[in-house]
Amino acid sequence: MRTMMLHLMRMPAWQSWGLALPGAGLCALIALAAGFVASLHGGTPMLYALLFGTALHYLHAEVRTAPGVRFCAGTLLRLGVGLLGARITLSQIAALGWPTVFITVIGAATTLLAGVAMARRLRLPATLGVLAGGATAICGASAAMAIAAVLPQSTERERETLSVVVLATLLSTVAMLTYPLVASFLHLPPALAGLFIGGSIHDVAQVVVAGYALGNQAGDAASVVKLLRVSLLAVVVMGVALAFRQPGGAALPASGRPPLVPGFVLLFLALAVMHSLGWLPRPLQTGLGQASQACLTVGVAALGMKTSFLELTRSGRRTALLMGFTTGWIGLLMLAGAWWLRMEIP
């Protein structure tokens, strides 16, 4: 299974489109079932989609369904996040205020450093610390693969990257389920709940699920804070590339590097600017919002299918401890920041 996962990670998305129909159709069916159950019993369709997908985890590595699951959990899910920009305005981003921006940036920077320091204490490679800290600080699996692309390449690096990806997905799923409960228990206002959730959960889609579980205000705030973290990816990747640059070594081909600014971030920002300028008619805003919801629900179903709690035991205790430490670090730091801002509000 590990060999197949590594193969799928290397395969460009466009090569899998022709093979994606069975898996994508399955994910869409799960999303429809989730919407039906949510309409009957209440709750968030994306949460039901995640749980139903997890129950069908054994299908994520099947030859016929794997490409479609990968497409939905990657390209389609990011498209859904990008389309969220149609409901965000620049005034909302400005409304975050400098304290929120400062706390978010400090949380990301210290988490990256904490990962390196903890890896050293656990006698793990510094590259693994960078991968773990970067994945936790920025955007989970996507950040891990982007950072891995500028690190010295080796078979060991591939195993480290896979372990970080698996653990980031697992821990982010646990956070997605528990952090909204923490925010509700502490009675955090929507903006501060969004700061806590958007500033600490690894994956963008899981931030969206957790944020909107607390309402539209909290979901919008969490999305904006998370996109602020994602925008730091370019700085982190360039910094890691400089730190691990080998004198006289061959540079990684430009075609093998992920973009420093992911395409879905550019789409999000472009739609947010258009919305702020009044260039999006109301029917188009509604249509884009519905398309975003559909893409996210299908993507979350695929994400659930890729989530396996059994993989935790195969990643190594020290690597799991490292990822758990960085996850706890940023979670507690962002919660403390949200609580401090709450105390400062008159």
C-alpha atoms as a PDB file:
ATOM      1  CA  MET A   1       0.000   0.000   0.000  1.00  0.00           C
ATOM      2  CA  ARG A   2       2.837   2.383   0.755  1.00  0.00           C
ATOM      3  CA  THR A   3       4.249   1.791  -2.739  1.00  0.00           C
ATOM      4  CA  MET A   4       0.897   2.612  -4.300  1.00  0.00           C
ATOM      5  CA  MET A   5       0.519   5.757  -2.183  1.00  0.00           C
ATOM      6  CA  LEU A   6       3.972   6.956  -3.214  1.00  0.00           C
ATOM      7  CA  HIS A   7       3.102   6.279  -6.848  1.00  0.00           C
ATOM      8  CA  LEU A   8      -0.135   8.236  -6.573  1.00  0.00           C
ATOM      9  CA  MET A   9       1.638  11.133  -4.845  1.00  0.00           C
ATOM     10  CA  ARG A  10       4.052  11.387  -7.795  1.00  0.00           C
ATOM     11  CA  MET A  11       1.382  11.086 -10.494  1.00  0.00           C
ATOM     12  CA  PRO A  12       0.333  14.497 -11.901  1.00  0.00           C
ATOM     13  CA  ALA A  13      -3.374  15.202 -11.522  1.00  0.00           C
ATOM     14  CA  TRP A  14      -3.943  15.539 -15.284  1.00  0.00           C
ATOM     15  CA  GLN A  15      -2.754  11.977 -15.877  1.00  0.00           C
ATOM     16  CA  SER A  16      -5.391  10.590 -13.532  1.00  0.00           C
ATOM     17  CA  TRP A  17      -8.398  12.480 -14.929  1.00  0.00           C
ATOM     18  CA  GLY A  18      -9.207   9.747 -17.420  1.00  0.00           C
ATOM     19  CA  LEU A  19      -9.121   7.163 -14.632  1.00  0.00           C
ATOM     20  CA  ALA A  20     -10.944   9.319 -12.082  1.00  0.00           C
ATOM     21  CA  LEU A  21     -14.570   8.619 -12.965  1.00  0.00           C
ATOM     22  CA  PRO A  22     -15.208   5.510 -10.804  1.00  0.00           C
ATOM     23  CA  GLY A  23     -13.603   6.980  -7.677  1.00  0.00           C
ATOM     24  CA  ALA A  24     -15.045  10.450  -8.245  1.00  0.00           C
ATOM     25  CA  GLY A  25     -18.492   8.962  -8.800  1.00  0.00           C
ATOM     26  CA  LEU A  26     -18.187   7.066  -5.519  1.00  0.00           C
ATOM     27  CA  CYS A  27     -17.190  10.249  -3.670  1.00  0.00           C
ATOM     28  CA  ALA A  28     -20.114  12.120  -5.238  1.00  0.00           C
ATOM     29  CA  LEU A  29     -22.474   9.339  -4.143  1.00  0.00           C
ATOM     30  CA  ILE A  30     -21.149   9.586  -0.579  1.00  0.00           C
ATOM     31  CA  ALA A  31     -21.667  13.378  -0.699  1.00  0.00           C
ATOM     32  CA  LEU A  32     -25.272  12.938  -1.861  1.00  0.00           C
ATOM     33  CA  ALA A  33     -25.918  10.443   0.915  1.00  0.00           C
ATOM     34  CA  ALA A  34     -24.400  12.856   3.425  1.00  0.00           C
ATOM     35  CA  GLY A  35     -26.659  15.665   2.217  1.00  0.00           C
ATOM     36  CA  PHE A  36     -29.711  13.409   2.468  1.00  0.00           C
ATOM     37  CA  VAL A  37     -28.891  12.310   6.030  1.00  0.00           C
ATOM     38  CA  ALA A  38     -28.159  15.912   7.049  1.00  0.00           C
ATOM     39  CA  SER A  39     -31.556  17.004   5.709  1.00  0.00           C
ATOM     40  CA  LEU A  40     -33.255  14.316   7.789  1.00  0.00           C
ATOM     41  CA  HIS A  41     -31.324  14.583  11.056  1.00  0.00           C
ATOM     42  CA  GLY A  42     -29.638  17.988  10.928  1.00  0.00           C
ATOM     43  CA  GLY A  43     -25.931  18.641  11.201  1.00  0.00           C
ATOM     44  CA  THR A  44     -23.267  19.483   8.651  1.00  0.00           C
ATOM     45  CA  PRO A  45     -23.249  17.499   5.374  1.00  0.00           C
ATOM     46  CA  MET A  46     -19.438  17.696   5.252  1.00  0.00           C
ATOM     47  CA  LEU A  47     -19.166  16.011   8.634  1.00  0.00           C
ATOM     48  CA  TYR A  48     -21.405  13.148   7.503  1.00  0.00           C
ATOM     49  CA  ALA A  49     -19.406  12.894   4.273  1.00  0.00           C
ATOM     50  CA  LEU A  50     -16.196  12.577   6.278  1.00  0.00           C
ATOM     51  CA  LEU A  51     -17.599   9.838   8.507  1.00  0.00           C
ATOM     52  CA  PHE A  52     -19.119   7.894   5.607  1.00  0.00           C
ATOM     53  CA  GLY A  53     -15.868   8.192   3.683  1.00  0.00           C
ATOM     54  CA  THR A  54     -13.844   6.911   6.630  1.00  0.00           C
ATOM     55  CA  ALA A  55     -16.066   3.815   6.753  1.00  0.00           C
ATOM     56  CA  LEU A  56     -15.081   3.100   3.127  1.00  0.00           C
ATOM     57  CA  HIS A  57     -11.364   3.657   3.679  1.00  0.00           C
ATOM     58  CA  TYR A  58     -10.499   0.261   2.192  1.00  0.00           C
ATOM     59  CA  LEU A  59     -11.529   1.540  -1.267  1.00  0.00           C
ATOM     60  CA  HIS A  60      -9.059   4.441  -1.383  1.00  0.00           C
ATOM     61  CA  ALA A  61      -6.214   2.221  -2.623  1.00  0.00           C
ATOM     62  CA  GLU A  62      -8.234   0.074  -5.043  1.00  0.00           C
ATOM     63  CA  VAL A  63      -6.933   0.310  -8.612  1.00  0.00           C
ATOM     64  CA  ARG A  64     -10.264   1.496 -10.033  1.00  0.00           C
ATOM     65  CA  THR A  65     -11.149   4.046  -7.356  1.00  0.00           C
ATOM     66  CA  ALA A  66      -7.755   5.388  -6.189  1.00  0.00           C
ATOM     67  CA  PRO A  67      -7.254   7.992  -8.981  1.00  0.00           C
ATOM     68  CA  GLY A  68     -10.732   9.434  -8.490  1.00  0.00           C
ATOM     69  CA  VAL A  69     -10.373   9.595  -4.717  1.00  0.00           C
ATOM     70  CA  ARG A  70      -7.025  11.329  -5.146  1.00  0.00           C
ATOM     71  CA  PHE A  71      -8.510  13.818  -7.629  1.00  0.00           C
ATOM     72  CA  CYS A  72     -11.437  14.655  -5.330  1.00  0.00           C
ATOM     73  CA  ALA A  73      -9.258  14.959  -2.209  1.00  0.00           C
ATOM     74  CA  GLY A  74      -6.786  17.179  -4.057  1.00  0.00           C
ATOM     75  CA  THR A  75      -7.842  19.168  -7.110  1.00  0.00           C
ATOM     76  CA  LEU A  76     -11.609  19.244  -6.475  1.00  0.00           C
ATOM     77  CA  LEU A  77     -11.250  20.028  -2.789  1.00  0.00           C
ATOM     78  CA  ARG A  78      -8.858  22.922  -3.475  1.00  0.00           C
ATOM     79  CA  LEU A  79     -11.214  24.234  -6.147  1.00  0.00           C
ATOM     80  CA  GLY A  80     -13.957  24.330  -3.526  1.00  0.00           C
ATOM     81  CA  VAL A  81     -11.729  26.300  -1.176  1.00  0.00           C
ATOM     82  CA  GLY A  82     -10.781  28.727  -3.950  1.00  0.00           C
ATOM     83  CA  LEU A  83     -14.457  29.336  -4.779  1.00  0.00           C
ATOM     84  CA  LEU A  84     -15.034  30.376  -1.174  1.00  0.00           C
ATOM     85  CA  GLY A  85     -13.468  33.696  -2.161  1.00  0.00           C
ATOM     86  CA  ALA A  86     -16.833  34.602  -3.710  1.00  0.00           C
ATOM     87  CA  ARG A  87     -18.244  35.085  -0.205  1.00  0.00           C
ATOM     88  CA  ILE A  88     -15.240  36.912   1.269  1.00  0.00           C
ATOM     89  CA  THR A  89     -14.505  40.622   0.900  1.00  0.00           C
ATOM     90  CA  LEU A  90     -11.315  42.578   1.468  1.00  0.00           C
ATOM     91  CA  SER A  91     -13.085  44.445   4.262  1.00  0.00           C
ATOM     92  CA  GLN A  92     -13.412  41.132   6.114  1.00  0.00           C
ATOM     93  CA  ILE A  93      -9.681  40.528   5.710  1.00  0.00           C
ATOM     94  CA  ALA A  94      -8.903  44.043   6.933  1.00  0.00           C
ATOM     95  CA  ALA A  95     -11.314  43.503   9.816  1.00  0.00           C
ATOM     96  CA  LEU A  96      -9.034  40.783  11.172  1.00  0.00           C
ATOM     97  CA  GLY A  97      -6.859  43.546  12.597  1.00  0.00           C
ATOM     98  CA  TRP A  98      -3.130  43.563  13.223  1.00  0.00           C
ATOM     99  CA  PRO A  99      -3.339  41.535  16.500  1.00  0.00           C
ATOM    100  CA  THR A 100      -4.914  38.601  14.641  1.00  0.00           C
ATOM    101  CA  VAL A 101      -2.365  38.823  11.836  1.00  0.00           C
ATOM    102  CA  PHE A 102       0.489  39.070  14.354  1.00  0.00           C
ATOM    103  CA  ILE A 103      -0.719  36.063  16.365  1.00  0.00           C
ATOM    104  CA  THR A 104      -1.191  34.001  13.197  1.00  0.00           C
ATOM    105  CA  VAL A 105       2.286  34.774  11.846  1.00  0.00           C
ATOM    106  CA  ILE A 106       3.953  34.175  15.217  1.00  0.00           C
ATOM    107  CA  GLY A 107       2.092  30.883  15.578  1.00  0.00           C
ATOM    108  CA  ALA A 108       3.298  29.656  12.183  1.00  0.00           C
ATOM    109  CA  ALA A 109       6.910  30.796  12.696  1.00  0.00           C
ATOM    110  CA  THR A 110       7.313  29.330  16.187  1.00  0.00           C
ATOM    111  CA  THR A 111       5.701  26.038  15.122  1.00  0.00           C
ATOM    112  CA  LEU A 112       8.273  25.609  12.362  1.00  0.00           C
ATOM    113  CA  LEU A 113      11.094  26.298  14.841  1.00  0.00           C
ATOM    114  CA  ALA A 114       9.490  24.028  17.445  1.00  0.00           C
ATOM    115  CA  GLY A 115       9.426  21.184  14.921  1.00  0.00           C
ATOM    116  CA  VAL A 116      13.153  21.526  14.244  1.00  0.00           C
ATOM    117  CA  ALA A 117      13.974  21.765  17.973  1.00  0.00           C
ATOM    118  CA  MET A 118      11.831  18.753  18.888  1.00  0.00           C
ATOM    119  CA  ALA A 119      13.303  16.663  16.053  1.00  0.00           C
ATOM    120  CA  ARG A 120      16.769  17.386  17.392  1.00  0.00           C
ATOM    121  CA  ARG A 121      15.705  16.368  20.900  1.00  0.00           C
ATOM    122  CA  LEU A 122      14.197  13.125  19.571  1.00  0.00           C
ATOM    123  CA  ARG A 123      17.385  12.477  17.543  1.00  0.00           C
ATOM    124  CA  LEU A 124      15.485  12.674  14.265  1.00  0.00           C
ATOM    125  CA  PRO A 125      16.822  14.288  11.065  1.00  0.00           C
ATOM    126  CA  ALA A 126      16.519  18.053  10.853  1.00  0.00           C
ATOM    127  CA  THR A 127      14.719  17.622   7.532  1.00  0.00           C
ATOM    128  CA  LEU A 128      11.968  15.657   9.295  1.00  0.00           C
ATOM    129  CA  GLY A 129      11.624  18.471  11.820  1.00  0.00           C
ATOM    130  CA  VAL A 130      11.265  20.981   8.981  1.00  0.00           C
ATOM    131  CA  LEU A 131       8.653  18.795   7.281  1.00  0.00           C
ATOM    132  CA  ALA A 132       6.653  18.300  10.476  1.00  0.00           C
ATOM    133  CA  GLY A 133       6.882  21.929  11.565  1.00  0.00           C
ATOM    134  CA  GLY A 134       6.080  23.263   8.099  1.00  0.00           C
ATOM    135  CA  ALA A 135       3.131  20.923   7.566  1.00  0.00           C
ATOM    136  CA  THR A 136       1.659  21.874  10.948  1.00  0.00           C
ATOM    137  CA  ALA A 137       2.364  25.587  10.583  1.00  0.00           C
ATOM    138  CA  ILE A 138       1.022  26.103   7.055  1.00  0.00           C
ATOM    139  CA  CYS A 139      -1.404  23.684   5.391  1.00  0.00           C
ATOM    140  CA  GLY A 140      -0.742  20.063   6.271  1.00  0.00           C
ATOM    141  CA  ALA A 141      -0.031  17.558   3.517  1.00  0.00           C
ATOM    142  CA  SER A 142       0.189  20.210   0.773  1.00  0.00           C
ATOM    143  CA  ALA A 143       2.875  22.115   2.665  1.00  0.00           C
ATOM    144  CA  ALA A 144       4.757  18.905   3.438  1.00  0.00           C
ATOM    145  CA  MET A 145       4.960  17.967  -0.238  1.00  0.00           C
ATOM    146  CA  ALA A 146       5.906  21.509  -1.270  1.00  0.00           C
ATOM    147  CA  ILE A 147       8.698  21.636   1.322  1.00  0.00           C
ATOM    148  CA  ALA A 148       9.873  18.108   0.459  1.00  0.00           C
ATOM    149  CA  ALA A 149      10.338  19.209  -3.169  1.00  0.00           C
ATOM    150  CA  VAL A 150      13.124  21.647  -2.187  1.00  0.00           C
ATOM    151  CA  LEU A 151      14.863  19.349   0.328  1.00  0.00           C
ATOM    152  CA  PRO A 152      17.730  17.030  -0.694  1.00  0.00           C
ATOM    153  CA  GLN A 153      16.078  14.104  -2.461  1.00  0.00           C
ATOM    154  CA  SER A 154      16.426  10.502  -1.246  1.00  0.00           C
ATOM    155  CA  THR A 155      14.375   7.381  -0.602  1.00  0.00           C
ATOM    156  CA  GLU A 156      14.432   8.223   3.116  1.00  0.00           C
ATOM    157  CA  ARG A 157      12.980  11.655   2.312  1.00  0.00           C
ATOM    158  CA  GLU A 158      10.060  10.006   0.530  1.00  0.00           C
ATOM    159  CA  ARG A 159       9.332   7.856   3.593  1.00  0.00           C
ATOM    160  CA  GLU A 160       9.559  10.900   5.877  1.00  0.00           C
ATOM    161  CA  THR A 161       7.203  12.858   3.654  1.00  0.00           C
ATOM    162  CA  LEU A 162       4.668  10.037   3.529  1.00  0.00           C
ATOM    163  CA  SER A 163       4.732   9.674   7.321  1.00  0.00           C
ATOM    164  CA  VAL A 164       4.188  13.414   7.810  1.00  0.00           C
ATOM    165  CA  VAL A 165       1.348  13.440   5.256  1.00  0.00           C
ATOM    166  CA  VAL A 166      -0.428  10.532   6.967  1.00  0.00           C
ATOM    167  CA  LEU A 167      -0.010  11.969  10.454  1.00  0.00           C
ATOM    168  CA  ALA A 168      -0.977  15.487   9.379  1.00  0.00           C
ATOM    169  CA  THR A 169      -4.208  14.162   7.875  1.00  0.00           C
ATOM    170  CA  LEU A 170      -4.965  12.064  10.953  1.00  0.00           C
ATOM    171  CA  LEU A 171      -4.251  14.784  13.507  1.00  0.00           C
ATOM    172  CA  SER A 172      -6.052  17.421  11.458  1.00  0.00           C
ATOM    173  CA  THR A 173      -9.119  15.164  11.327  1.00  0.00           C
ATOM    174  CA  VAL A 174      -9.057  14.777  15.112  1.00  0.00           C
ATOM    175  CA  ALA A 175      -8.680  18.559  15.475  1.00  0.00           C
ATOM    176  CA  MET A 176     -11.559  19.158  13.062  1.00  0.00           C
ATOM    177  CA  LEU A 177     -13.841  17.074  15.264  1.00  0.00           C
ATOM    178  CA  THR A 178     -12.698  18.400  18.646  1.00  0.00           C
ATOM    179  CA  TYR A 179     -11.715  22.066  18.217  1.00  0.00           C
ATOM    180  CA  PRO A 180     -15.283  23.290  17.524  1.00  0.00           C
ATOM    181  CA  LEU A 181     -16.290  21.637  20.789  1.00  0.00           C
ATOM    182  CA  VAL A 182     -13.468  23.457  22.589  1.00  0.00           C
ATOM    183  CA  ALA A 183     -14.493  26.790  21.053  1.00  0.00           C
ATOM    184  CA  SER A 184     -18.123  26.216  22.038  1.00  0.00           C
ATOM    185  CA  PHE A 185     -17.194  25.170  25.574  1.00  0.00           C
ATOM    186  CA  LEU A 186     -15.134  28.348  26.043  1.00  0.00           C
ATOM    187  CA  HIS A 187     -17.896  30.487  24.464  1.00  0.00           C
ATOM    188  CA  LEU A 188     -15.473  32.106  22.034  1.00  0.00           C
ATOM    189  CA  PRO A 189     -17.071  34.789  19.820  1.00  0.00           C
ATOM    190  CA  PRO A 190     -17.261  33.836  16.103  1.00  0.00           C
ATOM    191  CA  ALA A 191     -14.227  35.921  15.096  1.00  0.00           C
ATOM    192  CA  LEU A 192     -12.046  34.448  17.845  1.00  0.00           C
ATOM    193  CA  ALA A 193     -13.341  30.927  17.240  1.00  0.00           C
ATOM    194  CA  GLY A 194     -12.304  31.470  13.622  1.00  0.00           C
ATOM    195  CA  LEU A 195      -8.858  32.608  14.753  1.00  0.00           C
ATOM    196  CA  PHE A 196      -8.411  29.493  16.892  1.00  0.00           C
ATOM    197  CA  ILE A 197      -9.677  27.060  14.255  1.00  0.00           C
ATOM    198  CA  GLY A 198      -8.182  28.743  11.193  1.00  0.00           C
ATOM    199  CA  GLY A 199      -4.879  29.325  12.945  1.00  0.00           C
ATOM    200  CA  SER A 200      -4.334  25.787  14.239  1.00  0.00           C
ATOM    201  CA  ILE A 201      -5.940  23.072  12.069  1.00  0.00           C
ATOM    202  CA  HIS A 202      -3.578  21.818   9.361  1.00  0.00           C
ATOM    203  CA  ASP A 203      -5.674  21.234   6.248  1.00  0.00           C
ATOM    204  CA  VAL A 204      -7.660  23.989   4.531  1.00  0.00           C
ATOM    205  CA  ALA A 205     -10.764  21.886   3.904  1.00  0.00           C
ATOM    206  CA  GLN A 206     -10.874  20.670   7.484  1.00  0.00           C
ATOM    207  CA  VAL A 207     -10.657  24.275   8.688  1.00  0.00           C
ATOM    208  CA  VAL A 208     -13.694  25.005   6.541  1.00  0.00           C
ATOM    209  CA  VAL A 209     -15.632  22.052   7.976  1.00  0.00           C
ATOM    210  CA  ALA A 210     -14.764  22.943  11.582  1.00  0.00           C
ATOM    211  CA  GLY A 211     -15.344  26.673  11.107  1.00  0.00           C
ATOM    212  CA  TYR A 212     -18.739  26.463   9.444  1.00  0.00           C
ATOM    213  CA  ALA A 213     -19.851  23.912  12.030  1.00  0.00           C
ATOM    214  CA  LEU A 214     -19.958  26.942  14.361  1.00  0.00           C
ATOM    215  CA  GLY A 215     -21.833  29.162  11.911  1.00  0.00           C
ATOM    216  CA  ASN A 216     -21.181  31.333   8.891  1.00  0.00           C
ATOM    217  CA  GLN A 217     -19.366  34.090  10.806  1.00  0.00           C
ATOM    218  CA  ALA A 218     -16.920  31.683  12.416  1.00  0.00           C
ATOM    219  CA  GLY A 219     -16.486  29.822   9.121  1.00  0.00           C
ATOM    220  CA  ASP A 220     -15.698  32.998   7.195  1.00  0.00           C
ATOM    221  CA  ALA A 221     -13.204  34.135   9.844  1.00  0.00           C
ATOM    222  CA  ALA A 222     -11.544  30.702   9.967  1.00  0.00           C
ATOM    223  CA  SER A 223     -11.254  30.624   6.162  1.00  0.00           C
ATOM    224  CA  VAL A 224      -9.590  34.046   6.019  1.00  0.00           C
ATOM    225  CA  VAL A 225      -7.150  33.222   8.835  1.00  0.00           C
ATOM    226  CA  LYS A 226      -6.296  29.905   7.204  1.00  0.00           C
ATOM    227  CA  LEU A 227      -5.678  31.549   3.835  1.00  0.00           C
ATOM    228  CA  LEU A 228      -3.364  33.988   5.615  1.00  0.00           C
ATOM    229  CA  ARG A 229      -1.372  30.982   6.876  1.00  0.00           C
ATOM    230  CA  VAL A 230      -1.365  29.407   3.408  1.00  0.00           C
ATOM    231  CA  SER A 231       0.013  32.627   1.935  1.00  0.00           C
ATOM    232  CA  LEU A 232       3.106  32.110   4.110  1.00  0.00           C
ATOM    233  CA  LEU A 233       3.948  28.933   2.163  1.00  0.00           C
ATOM    234  CA  ALA A 234       5.988  30.821  -0.423  1.00  0.00           C
ATOM    235  CA  VAL A 235       8.174  32.390   2.268  1.00  0.00           C
ATOM    236  CA  VAL A 236       8.670  29.063   4.069  1.00  0.00           C
ATOM    237  CA  VAL A 237       9.526  27.123   0.896  1.00  0.00           C
ATOM    238  CA  MET A 238      12.032  29.749  -0.225  1.00  0.00           C
ATOM    239  CA  GLY A 239      13.599  29.844   3.251  1.00  0.00           C
ATOM    240  CA  VAL A 240      13.928  26.044   3.389  1.00  0.00           C
ATOM    241  CA  ALA A 241      15.385  25.968  -0.125  1.00  0.00           C
ATOM    242  CA  LEU A 242      18.057  28.476   0.898  1.00  0.00           C
ATOM    243  CA  ALA A 243      18.788  26.734   4.220  1.00  0.00           C
ATOM    244  CA  PHE A 244      19.271  23.296   2.603  1.00  0.00           C
ATOM    245  CA  ARG A 245      20.836  24.437  -0.656  1.00  0.00           C
ATOM    246  CA  GLN A 246      23.788  22.249  -1.536  1.00  0.00           C
ATOM    247  CA  PRO A 247      26.759  24.142  -2.997  1.00  0.00           C
ATOM    248  CA  GLY A 248      27.374  22.938  -6.533  1.00  0.00           C
ATOM    249  CA  GLY A 249      24.363  20.618  -6.352  1.00  0.00           C
ATOM    250  CA  ALA A 250      21.893  20.295  -9.149  1.00  0.00           C
ATOM    251  CA  ALA A 251      18.804  22.349  -8.722  1.00  0.00           C
ATOM    252  CA  LEU A 252      15.417  20.709  -8.822  1.00  0.00           C
ATOM    253  CA  PRO A 253      13.857  21.196 -12.271  1.00  0.00           C
ATOM    254  CA  ALA A 254      11.244  23.927 -12.363  1.00  0.00           C
ATOM    255  CA  SER A 255       8.686  21.414 -13.643  1.00  0.00           C
ATOM    256  CA  GLY A 256       9.193  19.297 -10.514  1.00  0.00           C
ATOM    257  CA  ARG A 257       8.520  22.094  -8.060  1.00  0.00           C
ATOM    258  CA  PRO A 258       5.073  22.974  -6.771  1.00  0.00           C
ATOM    259  CA  PRO A 259       4.075  26.633  -7.193  1.00  0.00           C
ATOM    260  CA  LEU A 260       5.131  28.884  -4.325  1.00  0.00           C
ATOM    261  CA  VAL A 261       1.612  30.329  -4.218  1.00  0.00           C
ATOM    262  CA  PRO A 262      -0.984  27.555  -4.785  1.00  0.00           C
ATOM    263  CA  GLY A 263      -3.494  28.170  -7.550  1.00  0.00           C
ATOM    264  CA  PHE A 264      -6.502  27.881  -5.241  1.00  0.00           C
ATOM    265  CA  VAL A 265      -5.103  30.740  -3.131  1.00  0.00           C
ATOM    266  CA  LEU A 266      -4.891  32.941  -6.239  1.00  0.00           C
ATOM    267  CA  LEU A 267      -8.474  31.973  -7.166  1.00  0.00           C
ATOM    268  CA  PHE A 268      -9.660  32.759  -3.631  1.00  0.00           C
ATOM    269  CA  LEU A 269      -7.985  36.174  -3.679  1.00  0.00           C
ATOM    270  CA  ALA A 270      -9.218  36.993  -7.201  1.00  0.00           C
ATOM    271  CA  LEU A 271     -12.836  36.203  -6.308  1.00  0.00           C
ATOM    272  CA  ALA A 272     -12.516  38.129  -3.035  1.00  0.00           C
ATOM    273  CA  VAL A 273     -11.276  41.202  -4.947  1.00  0.00           C
ATOM    274  CA  MET A 274     -14.066  40.880  -7.526  1.00  0.00           C
ATOM    275  CA  HIS A 275     -16.654  40.508  -4.767  1.00  0.00           C
ATOM    276  CA  SER A 276     -15.245  43.528  -2.927  1.00  0.00           C
ATOM    277  CA  LEU A 277     -15.450  45.648  -6.103  1.00  0.00           C
ATOM    278  CA  GLY A 278     -19.035  44.589  -6.782  1.00  0.00           C
ATOM    279  CA  TRP A 279     -18.150  42.728  -9.979  1.00  0.00           C
ATOM    280  CA  LEU A 280     -19.968  39.529  -8.990  1.00  0.00           C
ATOM    281  CA  PRO A 281     -23.747  39.652  -9.582  1.00  0.00           C
ATOM    282  CA  ARG A 282     -25.846  38.121  -6.818  1.00  0.00           C
ATOM    283  CA  PRO A 283     -26.930  35.068  -8.891  1.00  0.00           C
ATOM    284  CA  LEU A 284     -23.285  34.368  -9.742  1.00  0.00           C
ATOM    285  CA  GLN A 285     -22.288  34.667  -6.069  1.00  0.00           C
ATOM    286  CA  THR A 286     -25.024  32.186  -5.184  1.00  0.00           C
ATOM    287  CA  GLY A 287     -23.960  29.776  -7.923  1.00  0.00           C
ATOM    288  CA  LEU A 288     -20.297  29.932  -6.926  1.00  0.00           C
ATOM    289  CA  GLY A 289     -21.242  29.376  -3.290  1.00  0.00           C
ATOM    290  CA  GLN A 290     -23.269  26.288  -4.190  1.00  0.00           C
ATOM    291  CA  ALA A 291     -20.454  24.992  -6.399  1.00  0.00           C
ATOM    292  CA  SER A 292     -17.998  25.532  -3.558  1.00  0.00           C
ATOM    293  CA  GLN A 293     -20.232  23.625  -1.139  1.00  0.00           C
ATOM    294  CA  ALA A 294     -20.564  20.728  -3.585  1.00  0.00           C
ATOM    295  CA  CYS A 295     -16.820  20.535  -4.287  1.00  0.00           C
ATOM    296  CA  LEU A 296     -15.978  20.680  -0.593  1.00  0.00           C
ATOM    297  CA  THR A 297     -18.486  17.980   0.354  1.00  0.00           C
ATOM    298  CA  VAL A 298     -17.235  15.613  -2.352  1.00  0.00           C
ATOM    299  CA  GLY A 299     -13.626  16.445  -1.450  1.00  0.00           C
ATOM    300  CA  VAL A 300     -14.201  15.822   2.243  1.00  0.00           C
ATOM    301  CA  ALA A 301     -15.760  12.433   1.408  1.00  0.00           C
ATOM    302  CA  ALA A 302     -12.556  11.566  -0.444  1.00  0.00           C
ATOM    303  CA  LEU A 303     -10.487  12.902   2.437  1.00  0.00           C
ATOM    304  CA  GLY A 304     -12.361  10.582   4.781  1.00  0.00           C
ATOM    305  CA  MET A 305     -11.658   7.633   2.496  1.00  0.00           C
ATOM    306  CA  LYS A 306      -7.938   8.434   2.661  1.00  0.00           C
ATOM    307  CA  THR A 307      -7.919   8.649   6.467  1.00  0.00           C
ATOM    308  CA  SER A 308      -6.771   5.566   8.368  1.00  0.00           C
ATOM    309  CA  PHE A 309      -6.133   5.543  12.087  1.00  0.00           C
ATOM    310  CA  LEU A 310      -4.189   2.296  11.635  1.00  0.00           C
ATOM    311  CA  GLU A 311      -1.548   4.179   9.623  1.00  0.00           C
ATOM    312  CA  LEU A 312      -0.514   5.936  12.822  1.00  0.00           C
ATOM    313  CA  THR A 313       1.122   2.748  14.099  1.00  0.00           C
ATOM    314  CA  ARG A 314       3.176   2.451  10.897  1.00  0.00           C
ATOM    315  CA  SER A 315       4.701   5.920  11.049  1.00  0.00           C
ATOM    316  CA  GLY A 316       6.999   5.340  14.009  1.00  0.00           C
ATOM    317  CA  ARG A 317       6.572   6.467  17.592  1.00  0.00           C
ATOM    318  CA  ARG A 318       9.088   9.277  17.439  1.00  0.00           C
ATOM    319  CA  THR A 319       7.632  10.718  14.243  1.00  0.00           C
ATOM    320  CA  ALA A 320       4.146  10.505  15.742  1.00  0.00           C
ATOM    321  CA  LEU A 321       5.414  12.214  18.896  1.00  0.00           C
ATOM    322  CA  LEU A 322       7.013  14.947  16.800  1.00  0.00           C
ATOM    323  CA  MET A 323       3.798  15.634  14.858  1.00  0.00           C
ATOM    324  CA  GLY A 324       1.745  15.480  18.041  1.00  0.00           C
ATOM    325  CA  PHE A 325       4.051  18.013  19.668  1.00  0.00           C
ATOM    326  CA  THR A 326       3.865  20.516  16.805  1.00  0.00           C
ATOM    327  CA  THR A 327       0.078  20.088  16.581  1.00  0.00           C
ATOM    328  CA  GLY A 328      -0.302  20.683  20.307  1.00  0.00           C
ATOM    329  CA  TRP A 329       2.079  23.651  20.155  1.00  0.00           C
ATOM    330  CA  ILE A 330       0.170  25.603  17.523  1.00  0.00           C
ATOM    331  CA  GLY A 331      -3.219  24.610  18.942  1.00  0.00           C
ATOM    332  CA  LEU A 332      -2.429  25.853  22.453  1.00  0.00           C
ATOM    333  CA  LEU A 333      -0.693  28.969  21.138  1.00  0.00           C
ATOM    334  CA  MET A 334      -3.624  30.003  18.940  1.00  0.00           C
ATOM    335  CA  LEU A 335      -6.124  29.208  21.693  1.00  0.00           C
ATOM    336  CA  ALA A 336      -4.107  31.354  24.104  1.00  0.00           C
ATOM    337  CA  GLY A 337      -4.038  34.145  21.520  1.00  0.00           C
ATOM    338  CA  ALA A 338      -7.806  33.968  21.008  1.00  0.00           C
ATOM    339  CA  TRP A 339      -8.382  33.949  24.770  1.00  0.00           C
ATOM    340  CA  TRP A 340      -6.071  36.951  25.221  1.00  0.00           C
ATOM    341  CA  LEU A 341      -7.929  38.924  22.550  1.00  0.00           C
ATOM    342  CA  ARG A 342     -11.197  38.044  24.244  1.00  0.00           C
ATOM    343  CA  MET A 343      -9.927  39.473  27.517  1.00  0.00           C
ATOM    344  CA  GLU A 344      -8.864  42.646  25.702  1.00  0.00           C
ATOM    345  CA  ILE A 345     -12.321  43.192  24.169  1.00  0.00           C
ATOM    346  CA  PRO A 346     -14.269  45.598  26.403  1.00  0.00           C
END
